[in-house]
Amino acid sequence: MARCIVARLMAVMGLAGVLRGKKVRTTVSRKAVAAGDSVNRQFVAERPDQLWVADFTYVSTWQGFVCMAFDLGH
């Protein structure tokens, strides 16, 4: 059936189409062991380039996820 015929018949019957969104999972729960503290929380460097601070996150795009890494201490 053509789209206009379906639209006309739905209008005659008082029907309306419904679009449902995709369920988004915002948090992935993982019960993993935390990584060890490599610098003992002592952020005082004795020389340049001894300690670096970095962070990474995943960003959702239309084609999937992208891993973003940031160098925060350099």
N, C-alpha and C. Protein backbone atom coordinates (compact mmCIF):
# COMPACT_ATOMS: atom_id res chain seq x y z
N MET A 1 0.83 -1.18 0.00
CA MET A 1 0.00 0.00 0.00
C MET A 1 0.87 1.24 0.00
N ALA A 2 0.41 2.24 -0.69
CA ALA A 2 1.15 3.50 -0.73
C ALA A 2 1.02 4.21 0.62
N ARG A 3 2.00 5.03 0.91
CA ARG A 3 2.03 5.73 2.19
C ARG A 3 0.81 6.64 2.36
N CYS A 4 0.39 7.31 1.28
CA CYS A 4 -0.75 8.22 1.39
C CYS A 4 -2.05 7.46 1.66
N ILE A 5 -2.17 6.25 1.13
CA ILE A 5 -3.37 5.44 1.39
C ILE A 5 -3.41 5.02 2.86
N VAL A 6 -2.26 4.60 3.37
CA VAL A 6 -2.18 4.20 4.78
C VAL A 6 -2.50 5.39 5.68
N ALA A 7 -1.95 6.56 5.35
CA ALA A 7 -2.22 7.75 6.15
C ALA A 7 -3.70 8.11 6.12
N ARG A 8 -4.33 8.01 4.95
CA ARG A 8 -5.75 8.33 4.82
C ARG A 8 -6.60 7.35 5.63
N LEU A 9 -6.29 6.05 5.52
CA LEU A 9 -7.06 5.05 6.26
C LEU A 9 -6.88 5.21 7.78
N MET A 10 -5.66 5.53 8.21
CA MET A 10 -5.44 5.75 9.64
C MET A 10 -6.22 6.97 10.13
N ALA A 11 -6.28 8.02 9.30
CA ALA A 11 -7.03 9.22 9.68
C ALA A 11 -8.52 8.91 9.79
N VAL A 12 -9.03 8.11 8.86
CA VAL A 12 -10.45 7.74 8.89
C VAL A 12 -10.77 6.95 10.15
N MET A 13 -9.86 6.06 10.56
CA MET A 13 -10.08 5.23 11.74
C MET A 13 -9.70 5.92 13.04
N GLY A 14 -9.13 7.12 12.94
CA GLY A 14 -8.72 7.84 14.15
C GLY A 14 -7.47 7.28 14.79
N LEU A 15 -6.60 6.66 14.00
CA LEU A 15 -5.37 6.07 14.52
C LEU A 15 -4.20 7.02 14.31
N ALA A 16 -3.22 6.94 15.18
CA ALA A 16 -2.01 7.75 15.06
C ALA A 16 -0.81 6.85 15.31
N GLY A 17 0.24 7.08 14.56
CA GLY A 17 1.47 6.32 14.75
C GLY A 17 2.22 6.79 15.99
N VAL A 18 3.01 5.90 16.54
CA VAL A 18 3.79 6.21 17.74
C VAL A 18 5.24 5.86 17.47
N LEU A 19 6.15 6.80 17.78
CA LEU A 19 7.58 6.53 17.69
C LEU A 19 8.10 6.30 19.10
N ARG A 20 8.82 5.24 19.29
CA ARG A 20 9.39 4.96 20.60
C ARG A 20 10.89 5.14 20.53
N GLY A 21 11.42 5.80 21.54
CA GLY A 21 12.86 6.02 21.60
C GLY A 21 13.61 4.79 22.05
N LYS A 22 14.88 4.75 21.71
CA LYS A 22 15.74 3.65 22.13
C LYS A 22 16.08 3.82 23.61
N LYS A 23 16.02 2.75 24.37
CA LYS A 23 16.36 2.81 25.79
C LYS A 23 17.86 3.04 25.92
N VAL A 24 18.23 4.07 26.67
CA VAL A 24 19.63 4.45 26.84
C VAL A 24 20.12 3.96 28.19
N ARG A 25 21.22 3.23 28.18
CA ARG A 25 21.84 2.80 29.43
C ARG A 25 22.92 3.82 29.77
N THR A 26 22.72 4.57 30.85
CA THR A 26 23.64 5.65 31.19
C THR A 26 24.80 5.21 32.07
N THR A 27 24.66 4.10 32.77
CA THR A 27 25.72 3.65 33.67
C THR A 27 25.94 2.16 33.47
N VAL A 28 27.20 1.78 33.33
CA VAL A 28 27.55 0.37 33.25
C VAL A 28 28.11 0.00 34.62
N SER A 29 27.38 -0.83 35.34
CA SER A 29 27.78 -1.20 36.69
C SER A 29 28.76 -2.37 36.63
N ARG A 30 29.97 -2.12 37.05
CA ARG A 30 30.99 -3.17 37.10
C ARG A 30 31.58 -3.20 38.50
N LYS A 31 31.55 -4.33 39.11
CA LYS A 31 32.10 -4.49 40.45
C LYS A 31 33.53 -5.01 40.35
N ALA A 32 34.42 -4.16 39.87
CA ALA A 32 35.82 -4.55 39.69
C ALA A 32 36.67 -4.00 40.84
N VAL A 33 37.80 -4.59 41.04
CA VAL A 33 38.74 -4.12 42.05
C VAL A 33 39.39 -2.83 41.56
N ALA A 34 39.45 -1.83 42.42
CA ALA A 34 40.04 -0.55 42.05
C ALA A 34 41.54 -0.70 41.83
N ALA A 35 42.07 0.12 40.94
CA ALA A 35 43.51 0.10 40.66
C ALA A 35 44.28 0.62 41.86
N GLY A 36 45.50 0.17 42.01
CA GLY A 36 46.34 0.60 43.12
C GLY A 36 46.78 2.04 42.98
N ASP A 37 47.18 2.65 44.09
CA ASP A 37 47.63 4.03 44.11
C ASP A 37 49.13 4.07 43.84
N SER A 38 49.51 4.35 42.60
CA SER A 38 50.91 4.28 42.19
C SER A 38 51.76 5.40 42.76
N VAL A 39 51.17 6.54 43.11
CA VAL A 39 51.96 7.68 43.57
C VAL A 39 51.76 7.98 45.05
N ASN A 40 51.06 7.12 45.77
CA ASN A 40 50.81 7.30 47.21
C ASN A 40 50.20 8.65 47.54
N ARG A 41 49.45 9.21 46.61
CA ARG A 41 48.79 10.51 46.79
C ARG A 41 49.77 11.62 47.14
N GLN A 42 51.02 11.46 46.79
CA GLN A 42 52.02 12.50 47.01
C GLN A 42 52.33 13.11 45.64
N PHE A 43 51.68 14.23 45.37
CA PHE A 43 51.79 14.83 44.05
C PHE A 43 52.87 15.90 43.99
N VAL A 44 54.00 15.63 44.59
CA VAL A 44 55.13 16.55 44.53
C VAL A 44 56.22 15.88 43.70
N ALA A 45 56.53 16.48 42.57
CA ALA A 45 57.53 15.90 41.68
C ALA A 45 58.90 16.50 42.00
N GLU A 46 59.90 15.67 42.01
CA GLU A 46 61.26 16.12 42.28
C GLU A 46 61.92 16.66 41.02
N ARG A 47 61.43 16.24 39.86
CA ARG A 47 61.98 16.70 38.59
C ARG A 47 60.84 16.76 37.57
N PRO A 48 61.02 17.48 36.47
CA PRO A 48 59.96 17.57 35.46
C PRO A 48 59.64 16.19 34.86
N ASP A 49 58.42 16.01 34.45
CA ASP A 49 57.92 14.79 33.81
C ASP A 49 58.01 13.56 34.71
N GLN A 50 57.98 13.73 36.00
CA GLN A 50 58.02 12.58 36.91
C GLN A 50 56.61 12.05 37.17
N LEU A 51 55.66 12.94 37.40
CA LEU A 51 54.27 12.55 37.63
C LEU A 51 53.37 13.25 36.62
N TRP A 52 52.49 12.48 36.02
CA TRP A 52 51.50 13.03 35.09
C TRP A 52 50.12 12.68 35.59
N VAL A 53 49.15 13.52 35.31
CA VAL A 53 47.76 13.26 35.66
C VAL A 53 46.97 13.19 34.36
N ALA A 54 46.17 12.15 34.22
CA ALA A 54 45.38 11.98 33.00
C ALA A 54 44.00 11.47 33.35
N ASP A 55 43.09 11.65 32.42
CA ASP A 55 41.73 11.17 32.59
C ASP A 55 41.23 10.72 31.23
N PHE A 56 40.29 9.78 31.22
CA PHE A 56 39.68 9.39 29.95
C PHE A 56 38.20 9.13 30.18
N THR A 57 37.46 9.27 29.11
CA THR A 57 36.02 9.03 29.17
C THR A 57 35.55 8.54 27.82
N TYR A 58 34.38 7.96 27.79
CA TYR A 58 33.77 7.51 26.54
C TYR A 58 32.66 8.47 26.16
N VAL A 59 32.66 8.89 24.89
CA VAL A 59 31.67 9.81 24.37
C VAL A 59 30.83 9.08 23.33
N SER A 60 29.52 9.17 23.46
CA SER A 60 28.61 8.52 22.52
C SER A 60 28.47 9.37 21.27
N THR A 61 28.64 8.75 20.10
CA THR A 61 28.44 9.42 18.82
C THR A 61 27.39 8.64 18.04
N TRP A 62 27.01 9.16 16.86
CA TRP A 62 26.02 8.47 16.03
C TRP A 62 26.54 7.11 15.56
N GLN A 63 27.85 6.95 15.44
CA GLN A 63 28.41 5.71 14.91
C GLN A 63 28.98 4.81 16.00
N GLY A 64 28.81 5.15 17.26
CA GLY A 64 29.31 4.33 18.35
C GLY A 64 29.97 5.18 19.41
N PHE A 65 30.82 4.57 20.21
CA PHE A 65 31.51 5.28 21.27
C PHE A 65 32.93 5.63 20.86
N VAL A 66 33.40 6.78 21.37
CA VAL A 66 34.77 7.23 21.13
C VAL A 66 35.43 7.38 22.49
N CYS A 67 36.64 6.89 22.62
CA CYS A 67 37.40 7.03 23.86
C CYS A 67 38.18 8.34 23.79
N MET A 68 37.93 9.24 24.75
CA MET A 68 38.62 10.53 24.80
C MET A 68 39.61 10.48 25.95
N ALA A 69 40.86 10.87 25.70
CA ALA A 69 41.88 10.91 26.75
C ALA A 69 42.36 12.35 26.92
N PHE A 70 42.60 12.74 28.17
CA PHE A 70 43.03 14.10 28.48
C PHE A 70 44.28 14.04 29.34
N ASP A 71 45.28 14.84 28.99
CA ASP A 71 46.48 15.00 29.80
C ASP A 71 46.27 16.25 30.65
N LEU A 72 46.02 16.07 31.94
CA LEU A 72 45.64 17.18 32.81
C LEU A 72 46.83 17.83 33.52
N GLY A 73 47.97 17.20 33.53
CA GLY A 73 49.05 17.71 34.34
C GLY A 73 50.30 18.08 33.58
N HIS A 74 50.19 18.37 32.32
CA HIS A 74 51.40 18.66 31.55
C HIS A 74 51.26 19.93 30.80
